[in-house]
């Protein structure tokens, strides 16, 4: 497995080994020992799958105070995947990192707790699987506006398909501080 750090501490790109032959391929999308060596947590408590068509944008979502770390894998199609540091007091507050994930390259993205997450489908469709370090808690789910000009993400679609919740999400500057995670010293 190849591990690539990003400009955001804790956000990493993982390139698992893929074994191909005439029958297809095999890969491990999770191995506790190997992924722990890469710095990922050893405990995931929930696995989610989302299916979306071209141009669907989901995000930017986060959960607080029961923040979720996420390990994303694309099972079919391709997405432009984004993590935004929303931890109050972080030296990288408001900065983002993006990576294209696809079922062709099998790369994964790990987003630690304290970051907002979103993606847009860049192909005809995408089937996305993500493991979470914390259970989903509906009363703790929040969002940041996908097109917040202060964040400045260059999404590869001009008019994405959005849920009403995502279309009406506030800019990061307008989110009350008590609804944002705090940066922990050393992390």
N, C-alpha and C. Protein backbone atom coordinates (compact mmCIF):
# COMPACT_ATOMS: atom_id res chain seq x y z
N UNK A 1 0.85 -1.18 0.00
CA UNK A 1 0.00 0.00 0.00
C UNK A 1 0.89 1.24 0.00
N UNK A 2 0.48 2.20 -0.80
CA UNK A 2 1.19 3.46 -0.87
C UNK A 2 0.37 4.50 -0.11
N UNK A 3 1.02 5.33 0.70
CA UNK A 3 0.34 6.34 1.51
C UNK A 3 0.89 7.70 1.14
N UNK A 4 -0.01 8.63 0.83
CA UNK A 4 0.40 9.98 0.46
C UNK A 4 -0.22 10.97 1.42
N UNK A 5 0.62 11.78 2.05
CA UNK A 5 0.08 12.83 2.91
C UNK A 5 -0.40 13.97 2.03
N UNK A 6 -1.20 14.83 2.61
CA UNK A 6 -1.75 15.98 1.90
C UNK A 6 -1.35 17.25 2.64
N UNK A 7 -1.84 18.37 2.19
CA UNK A 7 -1.53 19.64 2.84
C UNK A 7 -2.27 19.81 4.16
N UNK A 8 -3.23 18.94 4.44
CA UNK A 8 -3.99 19.01 5.69
C UNK A 8 -3.57 17.88 6.61
N UNK A 9 -3.12 18.20 7.83
CA UNK A 9 -2.68 17.15 8.76
C UNK A 9 -3.78 16.12 9.02
N UNK A 10 -3.42 14.85 8.86
CA UNK A 10 -4.35 13.75 9.12
C UNK A 10 -5.14 13.30 7.91
N UNK A 11 -5.27 14.15 6.89
CA UNK A 11 -5.97 13.76 5.66
C UNK A 11 -4.94 13.05 4.79
N UNK A 12 -5.21 11.78 4.48
CA UNK A 12 -4.25 11.00 3.69
C UNK A 12 -4.94 10.28 2.54
N UNK A 13 -4.17 10.10 1.48
CA UNK A 13 -4.60 9.33 0.32
C UNK A 13 -3.92 7.97 0.41
N UNK A 14 -4.69 6.92 0.27
CA UNK A 14 -4.16 5.56 0.35
C UNK A 14 -4.33 4.89 -1.00
N UNK A 15 -3.28 4.24 -1.45
CA UNK A 15 -3.33 3.49 -2.71
C UNK A 15 -3.08 2.02 -2.39
N UNK A 16 -4.17 1.26 -2.18
CA UNK A 16 -4.01 -0.14 -1.83
C UNK A 16 -3.41 -0.94 -2.99
N UNK A 17 -2.77 -2.03 -2.65
CA UNK A 17 -2.26 -2.93 -3.68
C UNK A 17 -3.45 -3.60 -4.36
N UNK A 18 -3.42 -3.63 -5.68
CA UNK A 18 -4.48 -4.25 -6.47
C UNK A 18 -3.85 -5.40 -7.25
N UNK A 19 -4.43 -6.58 -7.09
CA UNK A 19 -3.93 -7.79 -7.76
C UNK A 19 -4.88 -8.12 -8.90
N UNK A 20 -4.39 -7.97 -10.13
CA UNK A 20 -5.22 -8.17 -11.32
C UNK A 20 -4.78 -9.43 -12.07
N UNK A 21 -5.75 -10.08 -12.66
CA UNK A 21 -5.47 -11.16 -13.60
C UNK A 21 -6.65 -11.26 -14.56
N UNK A 22 -6.70 -12.32 -15.35
CA UNK A 22 -7.73 -12.46 -16.37
C UNK A 22 -9.16 -12.52 -15.80
N UNK A 23 -9.28 -12.81 -14.50
CA UNK A 23 -10.60 -12.91 -13.87
C UNK A 23 -11.13 -11.57 -13.39
N UNK A 24 -10.22 -10.61 -13.20
CA UNK A 24 -10.62 -9.32 -12.64
C UNK A 24 -9.53 -8.82 -11.70
N UNK A 25 -9.92 -8.44 -10.50
CA UNK A 25 -8.93 -7.95 -9.53
C UNK A 25 -9.37 -8.29 -8.12
N UNK A 26 -8.41 -8.14 -7.20
CA UNK A 26 -8.62 -8.31 -5.77
C UNK A 26 -7.87 -7.21 -5.06
N UNK A 27 -8.48 -6.62 -4.02
CA UNK A 27 -7.78 -5.67 -3.17
C UNK A 27 -8.40 -5.68 -1.79
N UNK A 28 -7.63 -5.27 -0.81
CA UNK A 28 -8.14 -5.09 0.55
C UNK A 28 -8.48 -3.61 0.71
N UNK A 29 -9.73 -3.32 1.11
CA UNK A 29 -10.10 -1.94 1.36
C UNK A 29 -9.94 -1.57 2.83
N UNK A 30 -9.64 -2.57 3.65
CA UNK A 30 -9.39 -2.32 5.06
C UNK A 30 -8.62 -3.50 5.65
N UNK A 31 -7.52 -3.20 6.33
CA UNK A 31 -6.75 -4.18 7.07
C UNK A 31 -6.24 -3.43 8.30
N UNK A 32 -6.79 -3.75 9.45
CA UNK A 32 -6.53 -2.97 10.65
C UNK A 32 -5.05 -2.75 10.91
N UNK A 33 -4.23 -3.77 10.81
CA UNK A 33 -2.80 -3.63 11.08
C UNK A 33 -2.10 -2.70 10.11
N UNK A 34 -2.32 -2.91 8.82
CA UNK A 34 -1.66 -2.07 7.81
C UNK A 34 -2.16 -0.62 7.85
N UNK A 35 -3.44 -0.46 8.06
CA UNK A 35 -3.97 0.90 8.09
C UNK A 35 -3.58 1.61 9.39
N UNK A 36 -3.41 0.87 10.47
CA UNK A 36 -2.91 1.48 11.71
C UNK A 36 -1.49 1.98 11.51
N UNK A 37 -0.68 1.23 10.76
CA UNK A 37 0.68 1.68 10.46
C UNK A 37 0.65 2.98 9.65
N UNK A 38 -0.40 3.20 8.90
CA UNK A 38 -0.55 4.42 8.11
C UNK A 38 -1.13 5.56 8.94
N UNK A 39 -1.44 5.29 10.22
CA UNK A 39 -1.94 6.32 11.11
C UNK A 39 -3.45 6.42 11.21
N UNK A 40 -4.17 5.48 10.60
CA UNK A 40 -5.62 5.51 10.68
C UNK A 40 -6.09 4.85 11.97
N UNK A 41 -7.27 5.25 12.44
CA UNK A 41 -7.80 4.65 13.67
C UNK A 41 -8.11 3.18 13.44
N UNK A 42 -8.10 2.42 14.50
CA UNK A 42 -8.37 1.00 14.40
C UNK A 42 -9.83 0.65 14.54
N UNK A 43 -10.68 1.64 14.76
CA UNK A 43 -12.08 1.35 15.04
C UNK A 43 -12.99 2.15 14.11
N UNK A 44 -13.72 1.41 13.30
CA UNK A 44 -14.80 2.00 12.51
C UNK A 44 -16.08 1.34 12.99
N UNK A 45 -17.15 2.12 13.17
CA UNK A 45 -18.37 1.60 13.78
C UNK A 45 -19.55 1.54 12.83
N UNK A 46 -19.41 2.14 11.65
CA UNK A 46 -20.53 2.19 10.72
C UNK A 46 -19.98 2.23 9.30
N UNK A 47 -20.65 1.54 8.38
CA UNK A 47 -20.28 1.56 6.97
C UNK A 47 -21.49 2.05 6.18
N UNK A 48 -21.27 3.08 5.35
CA UNK A 48 -22.35 3.67 4.54
C UNK A 48 -22.03 3.50 3.06
N UNK A 49 -23.06 3.40 2.25
CA UNK A 49 -22.91 3.35 0.80
C UNK A 49 -23.87 4.37 0.22
N UNK A 50 -23.38 5.19 -0.72
CA UNK A 50 -24.26 6.14 -1.39
C UNK A 50 -24.12 5.94 -2.90
N UNK A 51 -25.25 6.04 -3.58
CA UNK A 51 -25.29 5.93 -5.03
C UNK A 51 -25.80 7.26 -5.57
N UNK A 52 -25.09 7.80 -6.55
CA UNK A 52 -25.45 9.12 -7.09
C UNK A 52 -25.17 9.15 -8.59
N UNK A 53 -25.89 10.02 -9.28
CA UNK A 53 -25.69 10.18 -10.72
C UNK A 53 -24.79 11.39 -11.01
N UNK A 54 -24.43 11.54 -12.27
CA UNK A 54 -23.53 12.62 -12.71
C UNK A 54 -24.02 13.98 -12.19
N UNK A 55 -23.08 14.75 -11.65
CA UNK A 55 -23.37 16.10 -11.21
C UNK A 55 -23.96 16.23 -9.83
N UNK A 56 -24.26 15.11 -9.16
CA UNK A 56 -24.77 15.19 -7.79
C UNK A 56 -23.63 15.58 -6.87
N UNK A 57 -23.87 16.60 -6.06
CA UNK A 57 -22.89 17.05 -5.07
C UNK A 57 -23.49 16.83 -3.69
N UNK A 58 -22.75 16.12 -2.86
CA UNK A 58 -23.17 15.85 -1.48
C UNK A 58 -22.17 16.53 -0.56
N UNK A 59 -22.64 17.46 0.26
CA UNK A 59 -21.74 18.13 1.19
C UNK A 59 -21.88 19.63 1.10
N UNK A 60 -21.11 20.23 1.87
CA UNK A 60 -20.03 19.80 2.77
C UNK A 60 -20.64 19.45 4.13
N UNK A 61 -20.50 18.22 4.58
CA UNK A 61 -21.14 17.74 5.80
C UNK A 61 -20.12 17.49 6.90
N UNK A 62 -20.59 17.61 8.14
CA UNK A 62 -19.81 17.22 9.30
C UNK A 62 -20.77 16.95 10.45
N UNK A 63 -20.24 16.32 11.48
CA UNK A 63 -21.03 15.99 12.66
C UNK A 63 -20.30 16.55 13.87
N UNK A 64 -21.07 17.18 14.79
CA UNK A 64 -20.47 17.77 15.99
C UNK A 64 -21.48 17.74 17.12
N UNK A 65 -21.10 17.35 18.31
CA UNK A 65 -19.74 17.12 18.81
C UNK A 65 -19.21 15.69 18.60
N UNK A 66 -20.04 14.77 18.18
CA UNK A 66 -19.58 13.40 17.95
C UNK A 66 -19.02 13.30 16.53
N UNK A 67 -17.84 13.87 16.33
CA UNK A 67 -17.24 13.98 15.00
C UNK A 67 -16.91 12.60 14.42
N UNK A 68 -17.04 12.52 13.11
CA UNK A 68 -16.76 11.27 12.40
C UNK A 68 -15.49 11.39 11.56
N UNK A 69 -14.62 10.40 11.68
CA UNK A 69 -13.57 10.21 10.70
C UNK A 69 -14.14 9.31 9.62
N UNK A 70 -13.69 9.49 8.37
CA UNK A 70 -14.25 8.71 7.27
C UNK A 70 -13.15 8.18 6.37
N UNK A 71 -13.29 6.93 5.97
CA UNK A 71 -12.41 6.30 4.98
C UNK A 71 -13.27 6.00 3.76
N UNK A 72 -12.99 6.70 2.65
CA UNK A 72 -13.82 6.60 1.46
C UNK A 72 -13.19 5.75 0.38
N UNK A 73 -14.03 4.95 -0.26
CA UNK A 73 -13.65 4.10 -1.38
C UNK A 73 -14.74 4.20 -2.42
N UNK A 74 -14.38 4.36 -3.68
CA UNK A 74 -15.37 4.38 -4.76
C UNK A 74 -15.45 2.98 -5.35
N UNK A 75 -16.63 2.39 -5.31
CA UNK A 75 -16.84 1.03 -5.81
C UNK A 75 -17.20 1.02 -7.30
N UNK A 76 -17.83 2.12 -7.77
CA UNK A 76 -18.17 2.24 -9.18
C UNK A 76 -18.18 3.72 -9.54
N UNK A 77 -17.54 4.07 -10.64
CA UNK A 77 -17.55 5.45 -11.11
C UNK A 77 -16.39 6.27 -10.58
N UNK A 78 -16.62 7.60 -10.51
CA UNK A 78 -15.57 8.52 -10.07
C UNK A 78 -16.19 9.74 -9.39
N UNK A 79 -15.44 10.26 -8.41
CA UNK A 79 -15.87 11.46 -7.69
C UNK A 79 -14.69 12.42 -7.50
N UNK A 80 -15.01 13.67 -7.35
CA UNK A 80 -14.08 14.70 -6.90
C UNK A 80 -14.41 14.85 -5.43
N UNK A 81 -13.49 14.42 -4.56
CA UNK A 81 -13.74 14.31 -3.12
C UNK A 81 -12.98 15.40 -2.38
N UNK A 82 -13.63 16.05 -1.41
CA UNK A 82 -13.05 17.21 -0.74
C UNK A 82 -13.17 17.10 0.78
N UNK A 83 -12.08 17.48 1.46
CA UNK A 83 -12.06 17.63 2.92
C UNK A 83 -11.72 19.08 3.22
N UNK A 84 -12.44 19.68 4.18
CA UNK A 84 -12.19 21.06 4.58
C UNK A 84 -11.95 21.08 6.08
N UNK A 85 -10.85 21.70 6.50
CA UNK A 85 -10.53 21.82 7.93
C UNK A 85 -11.44 22.90 8.53
N UNK A 86 -12.33 22.49 9.42
CA UNK A 86 -13.24 23.43 10.07
C UNK A 86 -13.00 23.48 11.58
N UNK A 87 -11.82 23.05 12.02
CA UNK A 87 -11.49 23.02 13.45
C UNK A 87 -11.06 24.43 13.89
N UNK A 88 -11.84 25.02 14.77
CA UNK A 88 -11.52 26.34 15.30
C UNK A 88 -10.15 26.29 15.97
N UNK A 89 -9.28 27.22 15.62
CA UNK A 89 -7.93 27.28 16.20
C UNK A 89 -6.89 26.51 15.42
N UNK A 90 -7.30 25.81 14.36
CA UNK A 90 -6.35 25.05 13.56
C UNK A 90 -5.55 25.99 12.67
N UNK A 91 -4.24 25.73 12.49
CA UNK A 91 -3.47 26.56 11.57
C UNK A 91 -3.91 26.41 10.11
N UNK A 92 -4.68 25.36 9.80
CA UNK A 92 -5.17 25.17 8.43
C UNK A 92 -6.70 25.38 8.34
N UNK A 93 -7.27 26.10 9.30
CA UNK A 93 -8.71 26.36 9.32
C UNK A 93 -9.16 26.97 7.99
N UNK A 94 -10.22 26.38 7.40
CA UNK A 94 -10.78 26.89 6.17
C UNK A 94 -10.08 26.41 4.91
N UNK A 95 -8.96 25.71 5.07
CA UNK A 95 -8.27 25.18 3.89
C UNK A 95 -8.87 23.84 3.50
N UNK A 96 -8.71 23.48 2.24
CA UNK A 96 -9.31 22.26 1.71
C UNK A 96 -8.27 21.45 0.95
N UNK A 97 -8.60 20.20 0.78
CA UNK A 97 -7.80 19.26 -0.02
C UNK A 97 -8.79 18.47 -0.85
N UNK A 98 -8.46 18.25 -2.13
CA UNK A 98 -9.34 17.49 -3.01
C UNK A 98 -8.55 16.41 -3.72
N UNK A 99 -9.23 15.32 -4.03
CA UNK A 99 -8.62 14.22 -4.77
C UNK A 99 -9.72 13.55 -5.59
N UNK A 100 -9.34 13.08 -6.77
CA UNK A 100 -10.28 12.29 -7.57
C UNK A 100 -10.12 10.83 -7.14
N UNK A 101 -11.23 10.23 -6.77
CA UNK A 101 -11.26 8.81 -6.41
C UNK A 101 -12.10 8.10 -7.46
N UNK A 102 -11.67 6.91 -7.85
CA UNK A 102 -12.44 6.18 -8.85
C UNK A 102 -12.32 4.67 -8.65
N UNK A 103 -13.23 3.96 -9.29
CA UNK A 103 -13.18 2.50 -9.25
C UNK A 103 -12.08 1.98 -10.17
N UNK A 104 -11.49 2.83 -10.95
CA UNK A 104 -10.37 2.44 -11.82
C UNK A 104 -9.05 2.43 -11.05
N UNK A 105 -8.82 3.47 -10.23
CA UNK A 105 -7.53 3.56 -9.53
C UNK A 105 -7.59 3.01 -8.10
N UNK A 106 -8.79 2.86 -7.54
CA UNK A 106 -9.00 2.28 -6.21
C UNK A 106 -8.36 3.08 -5.07
N UNK A 107 -7.97 4.32 -5.33
CA UNK A 107 -7.44 5.13 -4.24
C UNK A 107 -8.53 5.37 -3.21
N UNK A 108 -8.09 5.60 -1.98
CA UNK A 108 -8.99 5.88 -0.87
C UNK A 108 -8.58 7.21 -0.25
N UNK A 109 -9.51 7.84 0.43
CA UNK A 109 -9.21 9.07 1.16
C UNK A 109 -9.66 8.89 2.59
N UNK A 110 -8.75 9.21 3.53
CA UNK A 110 -9.13 9.22 4.94
C UNK A 110 -9.25 10.66 5.38
N UNK A 111 -10.39 10.98 5.98
CA UNK A 111 -10.67 12.32 6.49
C UNK A 111 -10.90 12.17 8.00
N UNK A 112 -10.03 12.78 8.82
CA UNK A 112 -10.18 12.61 10.26
C UNK A 112 -11.34 13.42 10.83
N UNK A 113 -11.74 13.13 12.07
CA UNK A 113 -12.77 13.92 12.72
C UNK A 113 -12.36 15.40 12.74
N UNK A 114 -13.35 16.28 12.64
CA UNK A 114 -13.09 17.71 12.68
C UNK A 114 -13.02 18.37 11.32
N UNK A 115 -13.29 17.60 10.26
CA UNK A 115 -13.26 18.13 8.90
C UNK A 115 -14.64 17.99 8.28
N UNK A 116 -14.99 18.96 7.44
CA UNK A 116 -16.21 18.83 6.63
C UNK A 116 -15.84 18.03 5.39
N UNK A 117 -16.82 17.32 4.85
CA UNK A 117 -16.57 16.45 3.71
C UNK A 117 -17.66 16.62 2.66
N UNK A 118 -17.24 16.56 1.41
CA UNK A 118 -18.20 16.60 0.32
C UNK A 118 -17.61 15.99 -0.94
N UNK A 119 -18.47 15.60 -1.85
CA UNK A 119 -17.98 15.09 -3.14
C UNK A 119 -19.01 15.37 -4.22
N UNK A 120 -18.51 15.39 -5.46
CA UNK A 120 -19.38 15.52 -6.62
C UNK A 120 -19.05 14.39 -7.58
N UNK A 121 -20.08 13.84 -8.20
CA UNK A 121 -19.91 12.73 -9.14
C UNK A 121 -19.47 13.31 -10.49
N UNK A 122 -18.35 12.81 -11.00
CA UNK A 122 -17.78 13.33 -12.24
C UNK A 122 -18.03 12.42 -13.45
N UNK A 123 -18.46 11.19 -13.21
CA UNK A 123 -18.80 10.28 -14.31
C UNK A 123 -20.31 10.13 -14.39
N UNK A 124 -20.76 9.09 -15.08
CA UNK A 124 -22.20 8.87 -15.23
C UNK A 124 -22.88 8.57 -13.90
N UNK A 125 -22.17 7.86 -13.03
CA UNK A 125 -22.71 7.51 -11.71
C UNK A 125 -21.55 7.18 -10.79
N UNK A 126 -21.85 7.10 -9.50
CA UNK A 126 -20.83 6.69 -8.53
C UNK A 126 -21.49 5.93 -7.39
N UNK A 127 -20.82 4.87 -6.99
CA UNK A 127 -21.21 4.10 -5.82
C UNK A 127 -20.05 4.26 -4.84
N UNK A 128 -20.32 4.94 -3.72
CA UNK A 128 -19.28 5.31 -2.77
C UNK A 128 -19.53 4.58 -1.45
N UNK A 129 -18.48 3.99 -0.91
CA UNK A 129 -18.53 3.32 0.39
C UNK A 129 -17.64 4.08 1.35
N UNK A 130 -18.17 4.38 2.52
CA UNK A 130 -17.31 5.02 3.52
C UNK A 130 -17.54 4.46 4.90
N UNK A 131 -16.41 4.16 5.52
CA UNK A 131 -16.40 3.66 6.88
C UNK A 131 -16.31 4.87 7.80
N UNK A 132 -17.01 4.84 8.92
CA UNK A 132 -17.06 5.97 9.85
C UNK A 132 -16.57 5.55 11.24
N UNK A 133 -15.87 6.46 11.90
CA UNK A 133 -15.34 6.19 13.24
C UNK A 133 -16.35 6.47 14.34
N UNK A 134 -17.46 7.07 13.98
CA UNK A 134 -18.51 7.40 14.96
C UNK A 134 -19.86 7.14 14.30
N UNK A 135 -20.85 6.78 15.11
CA UNK A 135 -22.19 6.55 14.58
C UNK A 135 -22.81 7.85 14.09
N UNK A 136 -23.65 7.74 13.08
CA UNK A 136 -24.41 8.89 12.59
C UNK A 136 -25.40 9.32 13.67
N UNK A 137 -25.41 10.61 13.94
CA UNK A 137 -26.32 11.19 14.94
C UNK A 137 -27.05 12.36 14.28
N UNK A 138 -28.31 12.14 13.85
CA UNK A 138 -29.03 13.15 13.08
C UNK A 138 -29.05 14.55 13.72
N UNK A 139 -29.19 14.64 15.02
CA UNK A 139 -29.23 15.95 15.69
C UNK A 139 -27.89 16.66 15.74
N UNK A 140 -26.83 15.99 15.31
CA UNK A 140 -25.49 16.59 15.33
C UNK A 140 -24.94 16.82 13.93
N UNK A 141 -25.76 16.64 12.90
CA UNK A 141 -25.30 16.80 11.53
C UNK A 141 -25.45 18.26 11.10
N UNK A 142 -24.36 18.79 10.55
CA UNK A 142 -24.34 20.18 10.07
C UNK A 142 -23.72 20.24 8.69
N UNK A 143 -23.76 21.40 8.11
CA UNK A 143 -23.17 21.58 6.80
C UNK A 143 -22.57 22.96 6.62
N UNK A 144 -21.71 23.05 5.63
CA UNK A 144 -21.11 24.30 5.20
C UNK A 144 -21.42 24.42 3.71
N UNK A 145 -21.71 25.63 3.25
CA UNK A 145 -22.07 25.84 1.86
C UNK A 145 -20.98 25.36 0.92
N UNK A 146 -21.34 24.50 0.00
CA UNK A 146 -20.40 23.89 -0.95
C UNK A 146 -19.66 24.93 -1.76
N UNK A 147 -20.30 26.06 -2.05
CA UNK A 147 -19.72 27.09 -2.90
C UNK A 147 -19.22 28.30 -2.11
N UNK A 148 -18.95 28.12 -0.81
CA UNK A 148 -18.48 29.22 0.04
C UNK A 148 -17.27 29.88 -0.62
N UNK A 149 -17.37 31.17 -1.00
CA UNK A 149 -16.25 31.82 -1.70
C UNK A 149 -15.01 31.98 -0.82
N UNK A 150 -15.18 32.00 0.50
CA UNK A 150 -14.02 32.10 1.38
C UNK A 150 -13.19 30.82 1.39
N UNK A 151 -13.84 29.69 1.11
CA UNK A 151 -13.12 28.42 1.01
C UNK A 151 -12.56 28.27 -0.40
N UNK A 152 -13.37 28.55 -1.41
CA UNK A 152 -12.90 28.61 -2.79
C UNK A 152 -12.57 27.29 -3.46
N UNK A 153 -13.40 26.29 -3.27
CA UNK A 153 -13.17 24.99 -3.91
C UNK A 153 -13.52 25.10 -5.39
N UNK A 154 -12.61 24.70 -6.30
CA UNK A 154 -12.93 24.74 -7.73
C UNK A 154 -13.63 23.45 -8.18
N UNK A 155 -14.89 23.31 -7.81
CA UNK A 155 -15.65 22.11 -8.15
C UNK A 155 -15.65 21.93 -9.67
N UNK A 156 -15.57 20.70 -10.17
CA UNK A 156 -15.51 20.48 -11.61
C UNK A 156 -16.88 20.45 -12.30
N UNK A 157 -17.91 20.97 -11.63
CA UNK A 157 -19.24 21.11 -12.23
C UNK A 157 -19.74 22.52 -11.92
N UNK A 158 -20.47 23.10 -12.87
CA UNK A 158 -20.96 24.47 -12.66
C UNK A 158 -22.28 24.52 -11.92
N UNK A 159 -23.19 23.62 -12.24
CA UNK A 159 -24.53 23.62 -11.64
C UNK A 159 -24.83 22.23 -11.10
N UNK A 160 -24.29 21.89 -9.93
CA UNK A 160 -24.51 20.55 -9.40
C UNK A 160 -25.95 20.33 -8.94
N UNK A 161 -26.33 19.08 -8.85
CA UNK A 161 -27.61 18.70 -8.26
C UNK A 161 -27.41 18.61 -6.76
N UNK A 162 -28.19 19.39 -6.01
CA UNK A 162 -28.04 19.50 -4.56
C UNK A 162 -29.32 19.14 -3.84
N UNK A 163 -29.19 18.69 -2.60
CA UNK A 163 -30.36 18.55 -1.73
C UNK A 163 -30.73 19.96 -1.24
N UNK A 164 -31.96 20.18 -0.82
CA UNK A 164 -32.31 21.49 -0.26
C UNK A 164 -31.42 21.86 0.93
N UNK A 165 -31.10 20.88 1.75
CA UNK A 165 -30.24 21.13 2.92
C UNK A 165 -28.87 21.64 2.50
N UNK A 166 -28.28 21.02 1.47
CA UNK A 166 -26.95 21.45 1.02
C UNK A 166 -27.02 22.81 0.32
N UNK A 167 -28.08 23.06 -0.43
CA UNK A 167 -28.22 24.35 -1.11
C UNK A 167 -28.36 25.50 -0.13
N UNK A 168 -28.94 25.23 1.04
CA UNK A 168 -29.19 26.28 2.04
C UNK A 168 -28.17 26.31 3.17
N UNK A 169 -27.11 25.52 3.08
CA UNK A 169 -26.11 25.49 4.15
C UNK A 169 -25.44 26.86 4.29
N UNK A 170 -25.01 27.22 5.49
CA UNK A 170 -24.36 28.52 5.70
C UNK A 170 -22.90 28.53 5.25
N UNK A 171 -22.39 29.71 4.99
CA UNK A 171 -20.96 29.87 4.77
C UNK A 171 -20.25 29.55 6.08
N UNK A 172 -19.00 29.12 6.00
CA UNK A 172 -18.24 28.76 7.20
C UNK A 172 -18.18 29.93 8.18
N UNK A 173 -18.02 31.15 7.70
CA UNK A 173 -17.94 32.33 8.57
C UNK A 173 -19.24 32.57 9.34
N UNK A 174 -20.36 32.01 8.86
CA UNK A 174 -21.65 32.21 9.51
C UNK A 174 -22.06 31.06 10.42
N UNK A 175 -21.23 30.03 10.53
CA UNK A 175 -21.54 28.91 11.42
C UNK A 175 -21.17 29.32 12.85
N UNK A 176 -22.11 29.22 13.80
CA UNK A 176 -21.78 29.57 15.18
C UNK A 176 -20.60 28.73 15.70
N UNK A 177 -19.71 29.35 16.44
CA UNK A 177 -18.50 28.68 16.94
C UNK A 177 -18.83 27.43 17.74
N UNK A 178 -19.96 27.42 18.46
CA UNK A 178 -20.28 26.24 19.27
C UNK A 178 -20.75 25.07 18.41
N UNK A 179 -20.91 25.27 17.11
CA UNK A 179 -21.26 24.18 16.19
C UNK A 179 -20.07 23.70 15.39
N UNK A 180 -18.88 24.19 15.75
CA UNK A 180 -17.66 23.76 15.07
C UNK A 180 -16.75 23.02 16.03
N UNK A 181 -16.00 22.03 15.52
CA UNK A 181 -15.03 21.34 16.38
C UNK A 181 -13.85 22.26 16.70
N UNK A 182 -13.16 21.96 17.77
CA UNK A 182 -11.98 22.73 18.16
C UNK A 182 -10.73 21.93 17.81
N UNK A 183 -9.70 22.64 17.45
CA UNK A 183 -8.41 22.02 17.15
C UNK A 183 -7.75 21.60 18.46
N UNK A 184 -7.37 20.36 18.55
CA UNK A 184 -6.68 19.83 19.73
C UNK A 184 -5.17 20.03 19.56
N UNK A 185 -4.48 20.45 20.59
CA UNK A 185 -3.02 20.60 20.51
C UNK A 185 -2.39 19.28 20.09
N UNK A 186 -1.50 19.35 19.10
CA UNK A 186 -0.85 18.15 18.61
C UNK A 186 -1.67 17.40 17.58
N UNK A 187 -2.85 17.87 17.19
CA UNK A 187 -3.67 17.16 16.23
C UNK A 187 -4.55 18.08 15.54
